[in-house]
Amino acid sequence: MKKSFLILIACLTLFSCSPVQAETVTKNDVQLRDDIILNLLFLPIYKAIEKHFGKPKQFYCQQILQIKEKVEHETYRYFNVTVQLTTYEGAHDFPYDLVTITFSNKYSMEWRAIDVKSRRLKPNEITECRHPSLLKHRPLIAEYFILTY
């Protein structure tokens, strides 16, 4: 009887772990990964925007749309990372542009923009940040960088 009871408790303990809790940890890990990548790409993003528009522009609501691993042969692989963000003028004033930039680290340790597309947003179009609590201070960082660049 004791043995059956111990086996029952062991099974209940093993299967009582919530899959929702595991999924939350995974989503948090992905979010942290994305934030780290966006922080590492801050300067390349800034330079790509300046080159594309011909002048520096402030931006916010940056998010990673896609990460692709490219394998040319067994011993060499690189990544293409596509990010999307919104640029603005002045104190978050129009015009707003939705910008999509693809970066690559092919044959380099540095990230370079290989494709930049932009579309002017209409006044009635609203872009929402994926999680405003983490991104709300990034425009301030961009403004600081523009002033010190």
Protein backbone atom coordinates (compact mmCIF):
# COMPACT_ATOMS: atom_id res chain seq x y z
CA MET A 1 0.00 0.00 0.00
CA LYS A 2 2.82 2.39 0.91
CA LYS A 3 4.57 1.62 -2.38
CA SER A 4 1.41 2.36 -4.41
CA PHE A 5 0.87 5.57 -2.49
CA LEU A 6 4.47 6.72 -3.13
CA ILE A 7 4.14 5.92 -6.85
CA LEU A 8 0.87 7.90 -6.96
CA ILE A 9 2.50 10.92 -5.26
CA ALA A 10 5.51 10.71 -7.60
CA CYS A 11 3.25 10.64 -10.67
CA LEU A 12 1.16 13.56 -9.40
CA THR A 13 4.31 15.54 -8.71
CA LEU A 14 5.74 14.88 -12.17
CA PHE A 15 2.53 15.74 -14.01
CA SER A 16 1.52 18.71 -11.89
CA CYS A 17 3.94 21.08 -13.69
CA SER A 18 1.86 23.56 -15.63
CA PRO A 19 2.61 23.82 -19.37
CA VAL A 20 1.35 27.43 -19.22
CA GLN A 21 4.17 28.30 -16.84
CA ALA A 22 6.72 26.72 -19.19
CA GLU A 23 5.26 28.65 -22.14
CA THR A 24 5.52 31.92 -20.22
CA VAL A 25 9.18 31.35 -19.53
CA THR A 26 9.75 30.65 -23.23
CA LYS A 27 7.92 33.84 -24.29
CA ASN A 28 9.96 35.84 -21.77
CA ASP A 29 13.17 34.29 -23.10
CA VAL A 30 12.22 35.19 -26.67
CA GLN A 31 11.34 38.73 -25.62
CA LEU A 32 14.67 39.08 -23.81
CA ARG A 33 16.50 37.73 -26.86
CA ASP A 34 14.73 40.23 -29.11
CA ASP A 35 15.55 43.12 -26.77
CA ILE A 36 19.22 42.14 -26.71
CA ILE A 37 19.36 41.91 -30.51
CA LEU A 38 17.63 45.29 -30.89
CA ASN A 39 20.08 46.88 -28.47
CA LEU A 40 23.03 45.41 -30.40
CA LEU A 41 21.53 46.70 -33.66
CA PHE A 42 20.85 50.22 -32.37
CA LEU A 43 23.82 51.87 -34.11
CA PRO A 44 23.36 49.97 -37.42
CA ILE A 45 19.63 50.92 -37.34
CA TYR A 46 20.49 54.56 -36.75
CA LYS A 47 23.04 54.58 -39.60
CA ALA A 48 20.66 52.78 -42.01
CA ILE A 49 17.89 55.31 -41.29
CA GLU A 50 20.29 58.23 -41.78
CA LYS A 51 21.50 56.80 -45.10
CA HIS A 52 17.97 55.97 -46.32
CA PHE A 53 16.39 59.34 -45.46
CA GLY A 54 19.49 61.49 -45.98
CA LYS A 55 19.30 62.79 -42.42
CA PRO A 56 19.08 61.37 -38.89
CA LYS A 57 15.58 60.52 -37.68
CA GLN A 58 14.34 59.44 -34.29
CA PHE A 59 12.56 56.11 -34.01
CA TYR A 60 10.62 53.91 -31.63
CA CYS A 61 8.48 50.74 -31.55
CA GLN A 62 11.28 48.65 -32.99
CA GLN A 63 10.56 44.95 -33.25
CA ILE A 64 12.14 41.91 -34.84
CA LEU A 65 10.06 40.50 -37.66
CA GLN A 66 12.30 37.63 -38.71
CA ILE A 67 15.62 35.93 -38.02
CA LYS A 68 16.95 33.63 -40.73
CA GLU A 69 19.98 31.43 -40.38
CA LYS A 70 21.84 31.04 -43.67
CA VAL A 71 24.24 28.15 -44.17
CA GLU A 72 26.58 28.41 -47.16
CA HIS A 73 28.55 25.29 -46.29
CA GLU A 74 29.22 23.16 -43.24
CA THR A 75 31.72 25.54 -41.70
CA TYR A 76 30.13 28.91 -42.46
CA ARG A 77 26.81 30.29 -41.39
CA TYR A 78 25.44 33.79 -41.00
CA PHE A 79 22.18 35.47 -40.10
CA ASN A 80 19.73 37.89 -41.66
CA VAL A 81 17.64 39.84 -39.17
CA THR A 82 14.65 41.90 -40.28
CA VAL A 83 13.47 44.67 -37.97
CA GLN A 84 10.57 47.08 -38.23
CA LEU A 85 10.27 50.46 -36.53
CA THR A 86 8.51 53.79 -36.74
CA THR A 87 10.36 57.06 -37.34
CA TYR A 88 9.06 60.45 -36.28
CA GLU A 89 10.05 64.09 -36.30
CA GLY A 90 10.32 66.50 -33.39
CA ALA A 91 8.42 65.58 -30.26
CA HIS A 92 6.80 62.46 -31.75
CA ASP A 93 5.23 64.53 -34.55
CA PHE A 94 4.25 63.67 -38.10
CA PRO A 95 5.43 62.59 -40.53
CA TYR A 96 5.70 59.02 -39.31
CA ASP A 97 7.32 56.38 -41.50
CA LEU A 98 7.07 52.63 -41.06
CA VAL A 99 10.58 51.34 -41.82
CA THR A 100 11.65 47.75 -42.43
CA ILE A 101 15.38 47.01 -42.45
CA THR A 102 17.10 43.69 -43.11
CA PHE A 103 20.58 43.30 -41.63
CA SER A 104 23.17 40.66 -42.39
CA ASN A 105 26.46 39.62 -40.84
CA LYS A 106 27.60 37.74 -43.95
CA TYR A 107 31.42 37.77 -44.23
CA SER A 108 31.66 40.20 -41.32
CA MET A 109 31.44 40.46 -37.58
CA GLU A 110 29.50 43.70 -38.00
CA TRP A 111 25.87 44.03 -39.02
CA ARG A 112 25.12 45.93 -42.22
CA ALA A 113 21.81 46.89 -43.79
CA ILE A 114 21.16 44.93 -46.98
CA ASP A 115 17.61 46.15 -47.57
CA VAL A 116 15.69 49.22 -46.34
CA LYS A 117 12.04 49.91 -47.15
CA SER A 118 9.86 52.70 -45.83
CA ARG A 119 6.25 53.73 -46.13
CA ARG A 120 4.77 57.04 -45.00
CA LEU A 121 2.03 56.48 -42.44
CA LYS A 122 -1.24 58.36 -42.71
CA PRO A 123 -2.39 60.39 -39.69
CA ASN A 124 -5.14 57.83 -38.95
CA GLU A 125 -2.74 54.86 -38.97
CA ILE A 126 -1.60 53.88 -35.50
CA THR A 127 1.35 51.63 -34.80
CA GLU A 128 1.37 49.94 -31.45
CA CYS A 129 4.51 48.89 -29.68
CA ARG A 130 4.62 45.24 -28.72
CA HIS A 131 5.16 46.05 -25.05
CA PRO A 132 5.26 49.77 -24.29
CA SER A 133 6.65 49.34 -20.79
CA LEU A 134 10.00 48.17 -22.17
CA LEU A 135 10.14 50.44 -25.21
CA LYS A 136 8.92 53.72 -23.74
CA HIS A 137 12.45 54.95 -22.91
CA ARG A 138 14.09 54.05 -26.21
CA PRO A 139 13.17 57.36 -27.92
CA LEU A 140 15.06 59.12 -25.13
CA ILE A 141 18.07 56.92 -25.82
CA ALA A 142 17.81 57.77 -29.53
CA GLU A 143 17.62 61.49 -28.75
CA TYR A 144 20.69 61.22 -26.50
CA PHE A 145 22.56 59.33 -29.21
CA ILE A 146 21.63 61.90 -31.88
CA LEU A 147 22.93 64.70 -29.68
CA THR A 148 26.21 62.94 -28.94
CA TYR A 149 26.81 61.34 -32.37
